[in-house]
Amino acid sequence: MGSLNQDQQAFSALSEFWALSGRHQPIIFTKQQRQALQQLGPMDVDFDTRTLSFTVRCNKDNGTDFQRVFRNPLFKCCQFAFSLQHNRKTRTNKNKVLIDTYFATNKDTVSIHKLNTGSTQLNITVRFIPQAPLLFQMLHDFLNASLRNT
């Protein structure tokens, strides 16, 4: 009975992934998407929490690269959280507009924190929604393969 229950959970997670990620759409990255992924820089991966995280400068170029990579059907199975760490001497208005325009949607979480010292940066966390570690592993492998093909 345990195996049947486990199979049902795996099928449920696969079904959720299929529904969220564009159904039968091919999962490929264009050359521009692969280059944009490389421009965003290295990602930290946490398999236990099924999250990817990375830090970028909050600017239009990184926002455009983020949109190219993460605003496609494959990543509809993910939740995004943006945490702006900004130096107390800089104004947040410009960066907030950049986040709202190029990074976040109304479904995403955005937080802003002041730093006494240090440079302004945007931390992005991508959390895989389905409770399926093997599907997350597949997503991770796909991203790594995409980086190698640039």
Protein backbone atom coordinates (compact mmCIF):
# COMPACT_ATOMS: atom_id res chain seq x y z
CA MET A 1 0.00 0.00 0.00
CA GLY A 2 2.91 2.36 0.74
CA SER A 3 4.24 2.08 -2.81
CA LEU A 4 0.82 2.76 -4.32
CA ASN A 5 0.46 5.87 -2.16
CA GLN A 6 3.96 7.02 -3.16
CA ASP A 7 3.18 6.47 -6.85
CA GLN A 8 -0.02 8.48 -6.48
CA GLN A 9 1.94 11.37 -4.90
CA ALA A 10 4.52 11.27 -7.70
CA PHE A 11 1.79 11.29 -10.36
CA SER A 12 0.05 14.17 -8.58
CA ALA A 13 3.29 16.21 -8.54
CA LEU A 14 3.96 15.41 -12.20
CA SER A 15 0.40 16.42 -13.08
CA GLU A 16 0.82 19.72 -11.20
CA PHE A 17 4.12 20.38 -13.01
CA TRP A 18 2.51 19.62 -16.37
CA ALA A 19 -0.40 21.99 -15.68
CA LEU A 20 1.80 24.82 -14.43
CA SER A 21 4.60 24.63 -16.99
CA GLY A 22 2.71 25.03 -20.23
CA ARG A 23 1.52 21.47 -20.76
CA HIS A 24 2.95 19.96 -23.93
CA GLN A 25 5.12 22.93 -24.86
CA PRO A 26 8.71 22.04 -25.74
CA ILE A 27 11.21 22.95 -23.05
CA ILE A 28 14.14 24.58 -24.83
CA PHE A 29 16.13 27.77 -24.39
CA THR A 30 17.10 29.98 -27.29
CA LYS A 31 20.67 31.23 -27.62
CA GLN A 32 19.53 34.60 -26.19
CA GLN A 33 17.99 32.87 -23.17
CA ARG A 34 21.12 30.83 -22.55
CA GLN A 35 23.26 33.97 -22.76
CA ALA A 36 20.88 35.80 -20.41
CA LEU A 37 21.11 32.93 -17.91
CA GLN A 38 24.88 33.16 -18.03
CA GLN A 39 24.77 36.96 -17.54
CA LEU A 40 22.68 36.56 -14.38
CA GLY A 41 25.58 34.74 -12.77
CA PRO A 42 25.95 31.68 -10.58
CA MET A 43 22.98 30.23 -8.72
CA ASP A 44 22.92 28.55 -5.36
CA VAL A 45 20.80 25.40 -5.29
CA ASP A 46 19.09 23.96 -2.22
CA PHE A 47 17.64 20.55 -3.02
CA ASP A 48 16.02 20.22 0.41
CA THR A 49 13.83 23.31 -0.05
CA ARG A 50 13.76 23.03 -3.89
CA THR A 51 15.03 26.58 -4.37
CA LEU A 52 17.45 28.39 -6.64
CA SER A 53 18.85 31.71 -5.49
CA PHE A 54 21.16 34.28 -6.97
CA THR A 55 22.16 37.91 -6.49
CA VAL A 56 22.28 40.57 -9.19
CA ARG A 57 22.58 44.32 -9.47
CA CYS A 58 19.19 45.95 -9.68
CA ASN A 59 19.32 47.40 -13.20
CA LYS A 60 17.47 47.28 -16.51
CA ASP A 61 19.94 44.89 -18.20
CA ASN A 62 19.62 42.28 -15.45
CA GLY A 63 15.86 42.78 -15.44
CA THR A 64 15.71 42.10 -19.17
CA ASP A 65 17.91 39.01 -18.75
CA PHE A 66 15.69 37.82 -15.88
CA GLN A 67 12.57 38.19 -18.04
CA ARG A 68 14.18 36.30 -20.94
CA VAL A 69 14.98 33.32 -18.74
CA PHE A 70 12.35 33.14 -16.04
CA ARG A 71 9.21 34.56 -17.62
CA ASN A 72 8.45 31.59 -19.82
CA PRO A 73 6.03 28.69 -19.30
CA LEU A 74 8.62 26.38 -17.73
CA PHE A 75 8.91 28.64 -14.68
CA LYS A 76 5.18 28.98 -14.06
CA CYS A 77 5.73 26.10 -11.65
CA CYS A 78 7.85 28.41 -9.47
CA GLN A 79 7.31 31.19 -6.97
CA PHE A 80 9.63 34.19 -6.98
CA ALA A 81 10.82 36.28 -4.05
CA PHE A 82 12.85 39.46 -4.48
CA SER A 83 14.81 41.00 -1.64
CA LEU A 84 16.42 44.36 -2.34
CA GLN A 85 19.34 45.09 -0.03
CA HIS A 86 20.08 48.75 -0.56
CA ASN A 87 22.65 51.06 0.89
CA ARG A 88 21.13 53.61 3.24
CA LYS A 89 22.64 56.41 1.16
CA THR A 90 20.81 55.46 -2.04
CA ARG A 91 17.18 56.20 -2.78
CA THR A 92 14.94 53.19 -3.19
CA ASN A 93 12.44 54.80 -5.58
CA LYS A 94 14.46 54.05 -8.73
CA ASN A 95 15.21 50.47 -7.68
CA LYS A 96 11.60 49.83 -6.67
CA VAL A 97 10.45 50.98 -10.12
CA LEU A 98 13.04 48.69 -11.76
CA ILE A 99 11.83 45.72 -9.69
CA ASP A 100 8.19 46.41 -10.51
CA THR A 101 8.94 46.94 -14.21
CA TYR A 102 11.48 44.23 -15.01
CA PHE A 103 11.51 41.62 -12.26
CA ALA A 104 8.38 41.12 -10.17
CA THR A 105 4.77 40.46 -11.04
CA ASN A 106 1.81 40.97 -8.74
CA LYS A 107 2.09 37.31 -7.62
CA ASP A 108 5.70 37.67 -6.44
CA THR A 109 7.02 38.66 -3.02
CA VAL A 110 9.12 41.82 -2.81
CA SER A 111 10.94 43.07 0.28
CA ILE A 112 13.30 46.00 0.76
CA HIS A 113 15.96 46.23 3.46
CA LYS A 114 18.43 49.02 4.24
CA LEU A 115 22.11 48.30 4.70
CA ASN A 116 24.33 50.62 6.71
CA THR A 117 27.32 49.73 4.55
CA GLY A 118 27.86 47.85 1.34
CA SER A 119 26.53 48.03 -2.19
CA THR A 120 22.95 47.71 -3.31
CA GLN A 121 21.99 44.27 -4.62
CA LEU A 122 18.89 42.25 -5.47
CA ASN A 123 18.57 38.73 -4.10
CA ILE A 124 16.23 36.51 -6.12
CA THR A 125 14.85 33.24 -4.81
CA VAL A 126 13.05 30.84 -7.13
CA ARG A 127 11.05 28.15 -5.30
CA PHE A 128 9.81 25.10 -7.19
CA ILE A 129 6.13 24.58 -6.27
CA PRO A 130 5.46 20.86 -6.92
CA GLN A 131 6.50 18.53 -4.10
CA ALA A 132 8.71 16.54 -6.44
CA PRO A 133 12.47 16.46 -5.79
CA LEU A 134 13.14 14.50 -9.00
CA LEU A 135 11.38 17.12 -11.12
CA PHE A 136 13.38 19.84 -9.38
CA GLN A 137 16.54 17.86 -10.13
CA MET A 138 15.45 17.72 -13.77
CA LEU A 139 14.96 21.52 -13.82
CA HIS A 140 18.39 22.02 -12.24
CA ASP A 141 20.02 19.71 -14.79
CA PHE A 142 18.26 21.54 -17.64
CA LEU A 143 19.59 24.90 -16.42
CA ASN A 144 23.12 23.53 -16.07
CA ALA A 145 22.98 22.00 -19.55
CA SER A 146 21.74 25.33 -20.93
CA LEU A 147 24.74 27.11 -19.40
CA ARG A 148 27.15 24.63 -20.97
CA ASN A 149 25.60 25.21 -24.41
CA THR A 150 26.29 28.97 -24.53
